[in-house]
Amino acid sequence: MKLYGIANCDTVKKARRFLAEAGVDYEFHDYKKKGVDEAALRAQVAEFGWEKILNTRGTTWRKQPDEVKDATTNEAAAIELMLREPSIIKRPIAESDDHRLLGFDPTAWEIALATGELK
């Protein structure tokens, strides 16, 4: 399993704690240290839609100039912004085989573990 996020993000910390307590081995891809894997981001956007992955509630979005916000109206522009500003990606994103989870919801993650979607 692979977990994408930022190490100092509180939600990512909760997800990592959850996985550790569940005894799940995973590889952590820290956007701040490793950058954004463009192929993985494109696959995630294909599954969830750019509107769900682009975090417009966080401080990184709020700090963007109005011109950037106004120009982010389609998938290509959103991907370009997320590649440039990894902190603007909703996190965490968990991937296992062909299953992905966006954000951390303990109940959804428990179900995914129980059904073998996360492993």
PDB file of N, CA and C in Angstrom:
ATOM      1  N   MET A   1       0.840  -1.169   0.000  1.00  0.00           N
ATOM      2  CA  MET A   1       0.000   0.000   0.000  1.00  0.00           C
ATOM      3  C   MET A   1       0.885   1.231   0.000  1.00  0.00           C
ATOM      4  N   LYS A   2       0.378   2.269  -0.625  1.00  0.00           N
ATOM      5  CA  LYS A   2       1.102   3.532  -0.670  1.00  0.00           C
ATOM      6  C   LYS A   2       0.189   4.617  -0.113  1.00  0.00           C
ATOM      7  N   LEU A   3       0.767   5.488   0.703  1.00  0.00           N
ATOM      8  CA  LEU A   3       0.034   6.597   1.286  1.00  0.00           C
ATOM      9  C   LEU A   3       0.699   7.892   0.852  1.00  0.00           C
ATOM     10  N   TYR A   4      -0.085   8.765   0.231  1.00  0.00           N
ATOM     11  CA  TYR A   4       0.414  10.052  -0.238  1.00  0.00           C
ATOM     12  C   TYR A   4      -0.038  11.141   0.716  1.00  0.00           C
ATOM     13  N   GLY A   5       0.881  12.061   1.019  1.00  0.00           N
ATOM     14  CA  GLY A   5       0.514  13.172   1.875  1.00  0.00           C
ATOM     15  C   GLY A   5       1.721  13.992   2.279  1.00  0.00           C
ATOM     16  N   ILE A   6       1.551  14.713   3.361  1.00  0.00           N
ATOM     17  CA  ILE A   6       2.603  15.557   3.927  1.00  0.00           C
ATOM     18  C   ILE A   6       2.753  15.157   5.387  1.00  0.00           C
ATOM     19  N   ALA A   7       3.976  14.896   5.795  1.00  0.00           N
ATOM     20  CA  ALA A   7       4.244  14.328   7.121  1.00  0.00           C
ATOM     21  C   ALA A   7       3.681  15.160   8.270  1.00  0.00           C
ATOM     22  N   ASN A   8       3.713  16.470   8.175  1.00  0.00           N
ATOM     23  CA  ASN A   8       3.268  17.274   9.313  1.00  0.00           C
ATOM     24  C   ASN A   8       1.782  17.617   9.286  1.00  0.00           C
ATOM     25  N   CYS A   9       1.040  17.081   8.329  1.00  0.00           N
ATOM     26  CA  CYS A   9      -0.410  17.296   8.241  1.00  0.00           C
ATOM     27  C   CYS A   9      -1.104  16.466   9.329  1.00  0.00           C
ATOM     28  N   ASP A  10      -1.964  17.096  10.100  1.00  0.00           N
ATOM     29  CA  ASP A  10      -2.649  16.395  11.191  1.00  0.00           C
ATOM     30  C   ASP A  10      -3.499  15.222  10.692  1.00  0.00           C
ATOM     31  N   THR A  11      -4.173  15.391   9.578  1.00  0.00           N
ATOM     32  CA  THR A  11      -5.001  14.314   9.045  1.00  0.00           C
ATOM     33  C   THR A  11      -4.139  13.142   8.591  1.00  0.00           C
ATOM     34  N   VAL A  12      -3.008  13.435   7.989  1.00  0.00           N
ATOM     35  CA  VAL A  12      -2.082  12.379   7.573  1.00  0.00           C
ATOM     36  C   VAL A  12      -1.530  11.671   8.806  1.00  0.00           C
ATOM     37  N   LYS A  13      -1.239  12.412   9.846  1.00  0.00           N
ATOM     38  CA  LYS A  13      -0.755  11.787  11.084  1.00  0.00           C
ATOM     39  C   LYS A  13      -1.795  10.814  11.635  1.00  0.00           C
ATOM     40  N   LYS A  14      -3.066  11.189  11.605  1.00  0.00           N
ATOM     41  CA  LYS A  14      -4.132  10.294  12.075  1.00  0.00           C
ATOM     42  C   LYS A  14      -4.193   9.036  11.216  1.00  0.00           C
ATOM     43  N   ALA A  15      -4.079   9.205   9.910  1.00  0.00           N
ATOM     44  CA  ALA A  15      -4.122   8.054   9.003  1.00  0.00           C
ATOM     45  C   ALA A  15      -2.938   7.128   9.253  1.00  0.00           C
ATOM     46  N   ARG A  16      -1.769   7.706   9.435  1.00  0.00           N
ATOM     47  CA  ARG A  16      -0.574   6.893   9.675  1.00  0.00           C
ATOM     48  C   ARG A  16      -0.689   6.149  11.006  1.00  0.00           C
ATOM     49  N   ARG A  17      -1.228   6.803  12.016  1.00  0.00           N
ATOM     50  CA  ARG A  17      -1.438   6.160  13.318  1.00  0.00           C
ATOM     51  C   ARG A  17      -2.438   5.009  13.174  1.00  0.00           C
ATOM     52  N   PHE A  18      -3.505   5.248  12.425  1.00  0.00           N
ATOM     53  CA  PHE A  18      -4.514   4.225  12.176  1.00  0.00           C
ATOM     54  C   PHE A  18      -3.880   3.003  11.515  1.00  0.00           C
ATOM     55  N   LEU A  19      -3.083   3.225  10.485  1.00  0.00           N
ATOM     56  CA  LEU A  19      -2.444   2.113   9.775  1.00  0.00           C
ATOM     57  C   LEU A  19      -1.459   1.370  10.671  1.00  0.00           C
ATOM     58  N   ALA A  20      -0.701   2.110  11.468  1.00  0.00           N
ATOM     59  CA  ALA A  20       0.255   1.478  12.385  1.00  0.00           C
ATOM     60  C   ALA A  20      -0.488   0.599  13.398  1.00  0.00           C
ATOM     61  N   GLU A  21      -1.569   1.133  13.959  1.00  0.00           N
ATOM     62  CA  GLU A  21      -2.338   0.372  14.952  1.00  0.00           C
ATOM     63  C   GLU A  21      -2.999  -0.851  14.324  1.00  0.00           C
ATOM     64  N   ALA A  22      -3.323  -0.760  13.033  1.00  0.00           N
ATOM     65  CA  ALA A  22      -3.936  -1.895  12.329  1.00  0.00           C
ATOM     66  C   ALA A  22      -2.883  -2.880  11.822  1.00  0.00           C
ATOM     67  N   GLY A  23      -1.613  -2.541  11.990  1.00  0.00           N
ATOM     68  CA  GLY A  23      -0.538  -3.426  11.553  1.00  0.00           C
ATOM     69  C   GLY A  23      -0.357  -3.478  10.041  1.00  0.00           C
ATOM     70  N   VAL A  24      -0.727  -2.402   9.365  1.00  0.00           N
ATOM     71  CA  VAL A  24      -0.627  -2.360   7.906  1.00  0.00           C
ATOM     72  C   VAL A  24       0.730  -1.781   7.496  1.00  0.00           C
ATOM     73  N   ASP A  25       1.442  -2.535   6.671  1.00  0.00           N
ATOM     74  CA  ASP A  25       2.690  -2.021   6.103  1.00  0.00           C
ATOM     75  C   ASP A  25       2.343  -1.138   4.918  1.00  0.00           C
ATOM     76  N   TYR A  26       3.025  -0.019   4.821  1.00  0.00           N
ATOM     77  CA  TYR A  26       2.766   0.886   3.708  1.00  0.00           C
ATOM     78  C   TYR A  26       4.007   1.710   3.413  1.00  0.00           C
ATOM     79  N   GLU A  27       4.042   2.227   2.211  1.00  0.00           N
ATOM     80  CA  GLU A  27       5.101   3.156   1.808  1.00  0.00           C
ATOM     81  C   GLU A  27       4.511   4.556   1.882  1.00  0.00           C
ATOM     82  N   PHE A  28       5.210   5.472   2.524  1.00  0.00           N
ATOM     83  CA  PHE A  28       4.721   6.842   2.632  1.00  0.00           C
ATOM     84  C   PHE A  28       5.413   7.717   1.603  1.00  0.00           C
ATOM     85  N   HIS A  29       4.620   8.357   0.775  1.00  0.00           N
ATOM     86  CA  HIS A  29       5.144   9.281  -0.229  1.00  0.00           C
ATOM     87  C   HIS A  29       4.854  10.697   0.272  1.00  0.00           C
ATOM     88  N   ASP A  30       5.895  11.348   0.790  1.00  0.00           N
ATOM     89  CA  ASP A  30       5.776  12.701   1.324  1.00  0.00           C
ATOM     90  C   ASP A  30       5.966  13.692   0.179  1.00  0.00           C
ATOM     91  N   TYR A  31       4.916  14.427  -0.129  1.00  0.00           N
ATOM     92  CA  TYR A  31       4.982  15.397  -1.217  1.00  0.00           C
ATOM     93  C   TYR A  31       6.087  16.428  -1.013  1.00  0.00           C
ATOM     94  N   LYS A  32       6.346  16.790   0.227  1.00  0.00           N
ATOM     95  CA  LYS A  32       7.364  17.814   0.503  1.00  0.00           C
ATOM     96  C   LYS A  32       8.775  17.308   0.220  1.00  0.00           C
ATOM     97  N   LYS A  33       8.999  16.015   0.437  1.00  0.00           N
ATOM     98  CA  LYS A  33      10.334  15.455   0.241  1.00  0.00           C
ATOM     99  C   LYS A  33      10.526  14.833  -1.137  1.00  0.00           C
ATOM    100  N   LYS A  34       9.479  14.204  -1.653  1.00  0.00           N
ATOM    101  CA  LYS A  34       9.602  13.463  -2.909  1.00  0.00           C
ATOM    102  C   LYS A  34       8.918  14.145  -4.086  1.00  0.00           C
ATOM    103  N   GLY A  35       8.209  15.217  -3.823  1.00  0.00           N
ATOM    104  CA  GLY A  35       7.458  15.872  -4.891  1.00  0.00           C
ATOM    105  C   GLY A  35       6.203  15.083  -5.225  1.00  0.00           C
ATOM    106  N   VAL A  36       5.516  15.539  -6.240  1.00  0.00           N
ATOM    107  CA  VAL A  36       4.281  14.890  -6.662  1.00  0.00           C
ATOM    108  C   VAL A  36       4.584  13.947  -7.817  1.00  0.00           C
ATOM    109  N   ASP A  37       4.132  12.709  -7.701  1.00  0.00           N
ATOM    110  CA  ASP A  37       4.258  11.736  -8.774  1.00  0.00           C
ATOM    111  C   ASP A  37       3.144  12.049  -9.776  1.00  0.00           C
ATOM    112  N   GLU A  38       3.522  12.603 -10.928  1.00  0.00           N
ATOM    113  CA  GLU A  38       2.522  13.068 -11.886  1.00  0.00           C
ATOM    114  C   GLU A  38       1.613  11.949 -12.377  1.00  0.00           C
ATOM    115  N   ALA A  39       2.176  10.790 -12.649  1.00  0.00           N
ATOM    116  CA  ALA A  39       1.355   9.671 -13.131  1.00  0.00           C
ATOM    117  C   ALA A  39       0.333   9.259 -12.066  1.00  0.00           C
ATOM    118  N   ALA A  40       0.777   9.200 -10.811  1.00  0.00           N
ATOM    119  CA  ALA A  40      -0.137   8.840  -9.725  1.00  0.00           C
ATOM    120  C   ALA A  40      -1.219   9.908  -9.564  1.00  0.00           C
ATOM    121  N   LEU A  41      -0.817  11.187  -9.638  1.00  0.00           N
ATOM    122  CA  LEU A  41      -1.789  12.271  -9.509  1.00  0.00           C
ATOM    123  C   LEU A  41      -2.835  12.188 -10.622  1.00  0.00           C
ATOM    124  N   ARG A  42      -2.392  11.934 -11.831  1.00  0.00           N
ATOM    125  CA  ARG A  42      -3.343  11.838 -12.958  1.00  0.00           C
ATOM    126  C   ARG A  42      -4.315  10.662 -12.763  1.00  0.00           C
ATOM    127  N   ALA A  43      -3.826   9.552 -12.243  1.00  0.00           N
ATOM    128  CA  ALA A  43      -4.699   8.401 -11.972  1.00  0.00           C
ATOM    129  C   ALA A  43      -5.701   8.736 -10.864  1.00  0.00           C
ATOM    130  N   GLN A  44      -5.240   9.452  -9.850  1.00  0.00           N
ATOM    131  CA  GLN A  44      -6.126   9.852  -8.755  1.00  0.00           C
ATOM    132  C   GLN A  44      -7.190  10.823  -9.249  1.00  0.00           C
ATOM    133  N   VAL A  45      -6.782  11.778 -10.079  1.00  0.00           N
ATOM    134  CA  VAL A  45      -7.730  12.732 -10.649  1.00  0.00           C
ATOM    135  C   VAL A  45      -8.736  12.001 -11.537  1.00  0.00           C
ATOM    136  N   ALA A  46      -8.280  11.020 -12.286  1.00  0.00           N
ATOM    137  CA  ALA A  46      -9.185  10.249 -13.145  1.00  0.00           C
ATOM    138  C   ALA A  46     -10.244   9.530 -12.315  1.00  0.00           C
ATOM    139  N   GLU A  47      -9.857   9.063 -11.144  1.00  0.00           N
ATOM    140  CA  GLU A  47     -10.818   8.342 -10.296  1.00  0.00           C
ATOM    141  C   GLU A  47     -11.750   9.272  -9.533  1.00  0.00           C
ATOM    142  N   PHE A  48     -11.189  10.299  -8.892  1.00  0.00           N
ATOM    143  CA  PHE A  48     -11.980  11.142  -7.991  1.00  0.00           C
ATOM    144  C   PHE A  48     -12.471  12.440  -8.618  1.00  0.00           C
ATOM    145  N   GLY A  49     -11.805  12.890  -9.673  1.00  0.00           N
ATOM    146  CA  GLY A  49     -12.116  14.200 -10.248  1.00  0.00           C
ATOM    147  C   GLY A  49     -11.234  15.265  -9.619  1.00  0.00           C
ATOM    148  N   TRP A  50     -10.801  16.197 -10.436  1.00  0.00           N
ATOM    149  CA  TRP A  50      -9.892  17.235  -9.938  1.00  0.00           C
ATOM    150  C   TRP A  50     -10.551  18.110  -8.885  1.00  0.00           C
ATOM    151  N   GLU A  51     -11.864  18.272  -8.962  1.00  0.00           N
ATOM    152  CA  GLU A  51     -12.570  19.132  -8.007  1.00  0.00           C
ATOM    153  C   GLU A  51     -12.488  18.592  -6.579  1.00  0.00           C
ATOM    154  N   LYS A  52     -12.419  17.254  -6.441  1.00  0.00           N
ATOM    155  CA  LYS A  52     -12.333  16.667  -5.100  1.00  0.00           C
ATOM    156  C   LYS A  52     -10.904  16.640  -4.577  1.00  0.00           C
ATOM    157  N   ILE A  53      -9.937  16.513  -5.467  1.00  0.00           N
ATOM    158  CA  ILE A  53      -8.542  16.422  -5.027  1.00  0.00           C
ATOM    159  C   ILE A  53      -7.934  17.792  -4.759  1.00  0.00           C
ATOM    160  N   LEU A  54      -8.366  18.794  -5.487  1.00  0.00           N
ATOM    161  CA  LEU A  54      -7.871  20.153  -5.269  1.00  0.00           C
ATOM    162  C   LEU A  54      -8.520  20.698  -4.001  1.00  0.00           C
ATOM    163  N   ASN A  55      -7.715  20.927  -2.986  1.00  0.00           N
ATOM    164  CA  ASN A  55      -8.228  21.369  -1.690  1.00  0.00           C
ATOM    165  C   ASN A  55      -8.414  22.886  -1.686  1.00  0.00           C
ATOM    166  N   THR A  56      -9.649  23.307  -1.923  1.00  0.00           N
ATOM    167  CA  THR A  56      -9.945  24.739  -1.949  1.00  0.00           C
ATOM    168  C   THR A  56     -10.361  25.273  -0.578  1.00  0.00           C
ATOM    169  N   ARG A  57     -10.233  24.452   0.452  1.00  0.00           N
ATOM    170  CA  ARG A  57     -10.575  24.887   1.810  1.00  0.00           C
ATOM    171  C   ARG A  57      -9.346  25.255   2.640  1.00  0.00           C
ATOM    172  N   GLY A  58      -8.186  24.866   2.155  1.00  0.00           N
ATOM    173  CA  GLY A  58      -6.966  25.053   2.934  1.00  0.00           C
ATOM    174  C   GLY A  58      -6.297  26.400   2.710  1.00  0.00           C
ATOM    175  N   THR A  59      -5.285  26.646   3.530  1.00  0.00           N
ATOM    176  CA  THR A  59      -4.572  27.921   3.458  1.00  0.00           C
ATOM    177  C   THR A  59      -3.777  28.066   2.168  1.00  0.00           C
ATOM    178  N   THR A  60      -3.298  26.964   1.599  1.00  0.00           N
ATOM    179  CA  THR A  60      -2.534  27.071   0.354  1.00  0.00           C
ATOM    180  C   THR A  60      -3.411  27.643  -0.757  1.00  0.00           C
ATOM    181  N   TRP A  61      -4.654  27.207  -0.840  1.00  0.00           N
ATOM    182  CA  TRP A  61      -5.574  27.753  -1.831  1.00  0.00           C
ATOM    183  C   TRP A  61      -5.870  29.222  -1.531  1.00  0.00           C
ATOM    184  N   ARG A  62      -6.157  29.520  -0.279  1.00  0.00           N
ATOM    185  CA  ARG A  62      -6.499  30.900   0.089  1.00  0.00           C
ATOM    186  C   ARG A  62      -5.359  31.868  -0.187  1.00  0.00           C
ATOM    187  N   LYS A  63      -4.130  31.379  -0.127  1.00  0.00           N
ATOM    188  CA  LYS A  63      -2.969  32.227  -0.378  1.00  0.00           C
ATOM    189  C   LYS A  63      -2.682  32.442  -1.866  1.00  0.00           C
ATOM    190  N   GLN A  64      -3.353  31.686  -2.716  1.00  0.00           N
ATOM    191  CA  GLN A  64      -3.120  31.821  -4.160  1.00  0.00           C
ATOM    192  C   GLN A  64      -3.671  33.162  -4.651  1.00  0.00           C
ATOM    193  N   PRO A  65      -2.958  33.791  -5.576  1.00  0.00           N
ATOM    194  CA  PRO A  65      -3.480  35.033  -6.157  1.00  0.00           C
ATOM    195  C   PRO A  65      -4.809  34.764  -6.864  1.00  0.00           C
ATOM    196  N   ASP A  66      -5.642  35.782  -6.929  1.00  0.00           N
ATOM    197  CA  ASP A  66      -6.945  35.633  -7.586  1.00  0.00           C
ATOM    198  C   ASP A  66      -6.808  35.158  -9.018  1.00  0.00           C
ATOM    199  N   GLU A  67      -5.737  35.582  -9.702  1.00  0.00           N
ATOM    200  CA  GLU A  67      -5.543  35.167 -11.095  1.00  0.00           C
ATOM    201  C   GLU A  67      -5.397  33.646 -11.180  1.00  0.00           C
ATOM    202  N   VAL A  68      -4.688  33.054 -10.218  1.00  0.00           N
ATOM    203  CA  VAL A  68      -4.492  31.601 -10.208  1.00  0.00           C
ATOM    204  C   VAL A  68      -5.817  30.905  -9.916  1.00  0.00           C
ATOM    205  N   LYS A  69      -6.525  31.399  -8.920  1.00  0.00           N
ATOM    206  CA  LYS A  69      -7.824  30.800  -8.585  1.00  0.00           C
ATOM    207  C   LYS A  69      -8.780  30.890  -9.773  1.00  0.00           C
ATOM    208  N   ASP A  70      -8.834  32.056 -10.385  1.00  0.00           N
ATOM    209  CA  ASP A  70      -9.743  32.257 -11.518  1.00  0.00           C
ATOM    210  C   ASP A  70      -9.382  31.388 -12.713  1.00  0.00           C
ATOM    211  N   ALA A  71      -8.088  31.073 -12.865  1.00  0.00           N
ATOM    212  CA  ALA A  71      -7.632  30.272 -14.006  1.00  0.00           C
ATOM    213  C   ALA A  71      -7.766  28.772 -13.771  1.00  0.00           C
ATOM    214  N   THR A  72      -8.029  28.367 -12.527  1.00  0.00           N
ATOM    215  CA  THR A  72      -8.109  26.942 -12.197  1.00  0.00           C
ATOM    216  C   THR A  72      -9.558  26.485 -12.370  1.00  0.00           C
ATOM    217  N   THR A  73      -9.918  26.287 -13.626  1.00  0.00           N
ATOM    218  CA  THR A  73     -11.305  25.963 -13.960  1.00  0.00           C
ATOM    219  C   THR A  73     -11.460  24.646 -14.693  1.00  0.00           C
ATOM    220  N   ASN A  74     -10.337  23.928 -14.860  1.00  0.00           N
ATOM    221  CA  ASN A  74     -10.425  22.656 -15.576  1.00  0.00           C
ATOM    222  C   ASN A  74      -9.333  21.718 -15.061  1.00  0.00           C
ATOM    223  N   GLU A  75      -9.391  20.486 -15.509  1.00  0.00           N
ATOM    224  CA  GLU A  75      -8.470  19.462 -15.036  1.00  0.00           C
ATOM    225  C   GLU A  75      -7.010  19.817 -15.314  1.00  0.00           C
ATOM    226  N   ALA A  76      -6.714  20.270 -16.508  1.00  0.00           N
ATOM    227  CA  ALA A  76      -5.328  20.576 -16.866  1.00  0.00           C
ATOM    228  C   ALA A  76      -4.753  21.669 -15.959  1.00  0.00           C
ATOM    229  N   ALA A  77      -5.517  22.723 -15.738  1.00  0.00           N
ATOM    230  CA  ALA A  77      -5.049  23.816 -14.881  1.00  0.00           C
ATOM    231  C   ALA A  77      -4.898  23.342 -13.436  1.00  0.00           C
ATOM    232  N   ALA A  78      -5.825  22.509 -12.976  1.00  0.00           N
ATOM    233  CA  ALA A  78      -5.763  22.004 -11.600  1.00  0.00           C
ATOM    234  C   ALA A  78      -4.541  21.114 -11.405  1.00  0.00           C
ATOM    235  N   ILE A  79      -4.277  20.238 -12.359  1.00  0.00           N
ATOM    236  CA  ILE A  79      -3.111  19.356 -12.257  1.00  0.00           C
ATOM    237  C   ILE A  79      -1.830  20.178 -12.260  1.00  0.00           C
ATOM    238  N   GLU A  80      -1.755  21.160 -13.129  1.00  0.00           N
ATOM    239  CA  GLU A  80      -0.574  22.029 -13.172  1.00  0.00           C
ATOM    240  C   GLU A  80      -0.354  22.705 -11.821  1.00  0.00           C
ATOM    241  N   LEU A  81      -1.421  23.202 -11.214  1.00  0.00           N
ATOM    242  CA  LEU A  81      -1.320  23.855  -9.909  1.00  0.00           C
ATOM    243  C   LEU A  81      -0.897  22.855  -8.829  1.00  0.00           C
ATOM    244  N   MET A  82      -1.484  21.660  -8.837  1.00  0.00           N
ATOM    245  CA  MET A  82      -1.147  20.663  -7.818  1.00  0.00           C
ATOM    246  C   MET A  82       0.297  20.184  -7.951  1.00  0.00           C
ATOM    247  N   LEU A  83       0.793  20.105  -9.165  1.00  0.00           N
ATOM    248  CA  LEU A  83       2.192  19.727  -9.361  1.00  0.00           C
ATOM    249  C   LEU A  83       3.123  20.810  -8.821  1.00  0.00           C
ATOM    250  N   ARG A  84       2.717  22.046  -8.971  1.00  0.00           N
ATOM    251  CA  ARG A  84       3.524  23.178  -8.514  1.00  0.00           C
ATOM    252  C   ARG A  84       3.393  23.412  -7.005  1.00  0.00           C
ATOM    253  N   GLU A  85       2.203  23.161  -6.461  1.00  0.00           N
ATOM    254  CA  GLU A  85       1.896  23.418  -5.052  1.00  0.00           C
ATOM    255  C   GLU A  85       1.340  22.148  -4.393  1.00  0.00           C
ATOM    256  N   PRO A  86       2.193  21.209  -4.014  1.00  0.00           N
ATOM    257  CA  PRO A  86       1.697  19.938  -3.463  1.00  0.00           C
ATOM    258  C   PRO A  86       0.819  20.088  -2.215  1.00  0.00           C
ATOM    259  N   SER A  87       1.003  21.164  -1.472  1.00  0.00           N
ATOM    260  CA  SER A  87       0.201  21.360  -0.260  1.00  0.00           C
ATOM    261  C   SER A  87      -1.267  21.603  -0.569  1.00  0.00           C
ATOM    262  N   ILE A  88      -1.592  21.829  -1.828  1.00  0.00           N
ATOM    263  CA  ILE A  88      -2.966  22.118  -2.220  1.00  0.00           C
ATOM    264  C   ILE A  88      -3.744  20.835  -2.545  1.00  0.00           C
ATOM    265  N   ILE A  89      -3.058  19.697  -2.493  1.00  0.00           N
ATOM    266  CA  ILE A  89      -3.703  18.410  -2.758  1.00  0.00           C
ATOM    267  C   ILE A  89      -4.368  17.912  -1.481  1.00  0.00           C
ATOM    268  N   LYS A  90      -5.637  17.519  -1.600  1.00  0.00           N
ATOM    269  CA  LYS A  90      -6.341  16.936  -0.453  1.00  0.00           C
ATOM    270  C   LYS A  90      -5.601  15.680  -0.035  1.00  0.00           C
ATOM    271  N   ARG A  91      -5.497  15.475   1.244  1.00  0.00           N
ATOM    272  CA  ARG A  91      -4.725  14.352   1.742  1.00  0.00           C
ATOM    273  C   ARG A  91      -5.376  13.776   2.994  1.00  0.00           C
ATOM    274  N   PRO A  92      -4.992  12.532   3.263  1.00  0.00           N
ATOM    275  CA  PRO A  92      -4.129  11.650   2.498  1.00  0.00           C
ATOM    276  C   PRO A  92      -4.882  10.969   1.359  1.00  0.00           C
ATOM    277  N   ILE A  93      -4.103  10.366   0.481  1.00  0.00           N
ATOM    278  CA  ILE A  93      -4.644   9.484  -0.545  1.00  0.00           C
ATOM    279  C   ILE A  93      -3.957   8.140  -0.339  1.00  0.00           C
ATOM    280  N   ALA A  94      -4.765   7.111  -0.118  1.00  0.00           N
ATOM    281  CA  ALA A  94      -4.236   5.760   0.076  1.00  0.00           C
ATOM    282  C   ALA A  94      -4.501   4.958  -1.189  1.00  0.00           C
ATOM    283  N   GLU A  95      -3.493   4.196  -1.616  1.00  0.00           N
ATOM    284  CA  GLU A  95      -3.625   3.345  -2.798  1.00  0.00           C
ATOM    285  C   GLU A  95      -3.160   1.939  -2.473  1.00  0.00           C
ATOM    286  N   SER A  96      -3.948   0.983  -2.929  1.00  0.00           N
ATOM    287  CA  SER A  96      -3.583  -0.411  -2.787  1.00  0.00           C
ATOM    288  C   SER A  96      -4.141  -1.151  -3.991  1.00  0.00           C
ATOM    289  N   ASP A  97      -3.258  -1.730  -4.779  1.00  0.00           N
ATOM    290  CA  ASP A  97      -3.664  -2.370  -6.030  1.00  0.00           C
ATOM    291  C   ASP A  97      -4.471  -1.367  -6.851  1.00  0.00           C
ATOM    292  N   ASP A  98      -5.736  -1.671  -7.125  1.00  0.00           N
ATOM    293  CA  ASP A  98      -6.533  -0.734  -7.911  1.00  0.00           C
ATOM    294  C   ASP A  98      -7.572   0.006  -7.066  1.00  0.00           C
ATOM    295  N   HIS A  99      -7.365   0.059  -5.750  1.00  0.00           N
ATOM    296  CA  HIS A  99      -8.282   0.752  -4.847  1.00  0.00           C
ATOM    297  C   HIS A  99      -7.625   2.009  -4.300  1.00  0.00           C
ATOM    298  N   ARG A 100      -8.417   3.061  -4.186  1.00  0.00           N
ATOM    299  CA  ARG A 100      -7.922   4.323  -3.637  1.00  0.00           C
ATOM    300  C   ARG A 100      -8.944   4.891  -2.669  1.00  0.00           C
ATOM    301  N   LEU A 101      -8.427   5.535  -1.639  1.00  0.00           N
ATOM    302  CA  LEU A 101      -9.267   6.270  -0.701  1.00  0.00           C
ATOM    303  C   LEU A 101      -8.743   7.694  -0.635  1.00  0.00           C
ATOM    304  N   LEU A 102      -9.647   8.657  -0.644  1.00  0.00           N
ATOM    305  CA  LEU A 102      -9.287  10.065  -0.577  1.00  0.00           C
ATOM    306  C   LEU A 102      -9.735  10.626   0.757  1.00  0.00           C
ATOM    307  N   GLY A 103      -8.786  11.228   1.479  1.00  0.00           N
ATOM    308  CA  GLY A 103      -9.094  11.767   2.802  1.00  0.00           C
ATOM    309  C   GLY A 103      -9.084  10.649   3.832  1.00  0.00           C
ATOM    310  N   PHE A 104      -9.197  11.032   5.087  1.00  0.00           N
ATOM    311  CA  PHE A 104      -9.183  10.018   6.144  1.00  0.00           C
ATOM    312  C   PHE A 104     -10.522   9.981   6.852  1.00  0.00           C
ATOM    313  N   ASP A 105     -11.198   8.863   6.701  1.00  0.00           N
ATOM    314  CA  ASP A 105     -12.445   8.565   7.395  1.00  0.00           C
ATOM    315  C   ASP A 105     -12.235   7.197   8.039  1.00  0.00           C
ATOM    316  N   PRO A 106     -12.056   7.155   9.376  1.00  0.00           N
ATOM    317  CA  PRO A 106     -11.742   5.876  10.030  1.00  0.00           C
ATOM    318  C   PRO A 106     -12.716   4.748   9.685  1.00  0.00           C
ATOM    319  N   THR A 107     -13.995   5.056   9.587  1.00  0.00           N
ATOM    320  CA  THR A 107     -14.976   4.022   9.277  1.00  0.00           C
ATOM    321  C   THR A 107     -14.744   3.462   7.877  1.00  0.00           C
ATOM    322  N   ALA A 108     -14.561   4.342   6.903  1.00  0.00           N
ATOM    323  CA  ALA A 108     -14.316   3.890   5.526  1.00  0.00           C
ATOM    324  C   ALA A 108     -13.021   3.090   5.450  1.00  0.00           C
ATOM    325  N   TRP A 109     -12.008   3.524   6.187  1.00  0.00           N
ATOM    326  CA  TRP A 109     -10.731   2.810   6.161  1.00  0.00           C
ATOM    327  C   TRP A 109     -10.865   1.438   6.821  1.00  0.00           C
ATOM    328  N   GLU A 110     -11.643   1.342   7.916  1.00  0.00           N
ATOM    329  CA  GLU A 110     -11.865   0.045   8.567  1.00  0.00           C
ATOM    330  C   GLU A 110     -12.556  -0.911   7.599  1.00  0.00           C
ATOM    331  N   ILE A 111     -13.559  -0.419   6.880  1.00  0.00           N
ATOM    332  CA  ILE A 111     -14.269  -1.248   5.909  1.00  0.00           C
ATOM    333  C   ILE A 111     -13.310  -1.683   4.804  1.00  0.00           C
ATOM    334  N   ALA A 112     -12.486  -0.753   4.317  1.00  0.00           N
ATOM    335  CA  ALA A 112     -11.530  -1.087   3.251  1.00  0.00           C
ATOM    336  C   ALA A 112     -10.527  -2.138   3.714  1.00  0.00           C
ATOM    337  N   LEU A 113     -10.112  -2.072   4.966  1.00  0.00           N
ATOM    338  CA  LEU A 113      -9.199  -3.099   5.506  1.00  0.00           C
ATOM    339  C   LEU A 113      -9.923  -4.436   5.619  1.00  0.00           C
ATOM    340  N   ALA A 114     -11.156  -4.404   6.115  1.00  0.00           N
ATOM    341  CA  ALA A 114     -11.905  -5.637   6.323  1.00  0.00           C
ATOM    342  C   ALA A 114     -12.225  -6.337   4.998  1.00  0.00           C
ATOM    343  N   THR A 115     -12.444  -5.570   3.951  1.00  0.00           N
ATOM    344  CA  THR A 115     -12.791  -6.159   2.652  1.00  0.00           C
ATOM    345  C   THR A 115     -11.556  -6.446   1.797  1.00  0.00           C
ATOM    346  N   GLY A 116     -10.393  -6.072   2.303  1.00  0.00           N
ATOM    347  CA  GLY A 116      -9.157  -6.324   1.568  1.00  0.00           C
ATOM    348  C   GLY A 116      -8.833  -5.278   0.520  1.00  0.00           C
ATOM    349  N   GLU A 117      -9.590  -4.187   0.481  1.00  0.00           N
ATOM    350  CA  GLU A 117      -9.295  -3.117  -0.486  1.00  0.00           C
ATOM    351  C   GLU A 117      -8.003  -2.403  -0.125  1.00  0.00           C
ATOM    352  N   LEU A 118      -7.751  -2.254   1.163  1.00  0.00           N
ATOM    353  CA  LEU A 118      -6.469  -1.714   1.628  1.00  0.00           C
ATOM    354  C   LEU A 118      -5.683  -2.874   2.196  1.00  0.00           C
ATOM    355  N   LYS A 119      -4.455  -2.995   1.722  1.00  0.00           N
ATOM    356  CA  LYS A 119      -3.623  -4.080   2.241  1.00  0.00           C
ATOM    357  C   LYS A 119      -2.172  -3.703   2.121  1.00  0.00           C
TER     358      LYS A 119
END
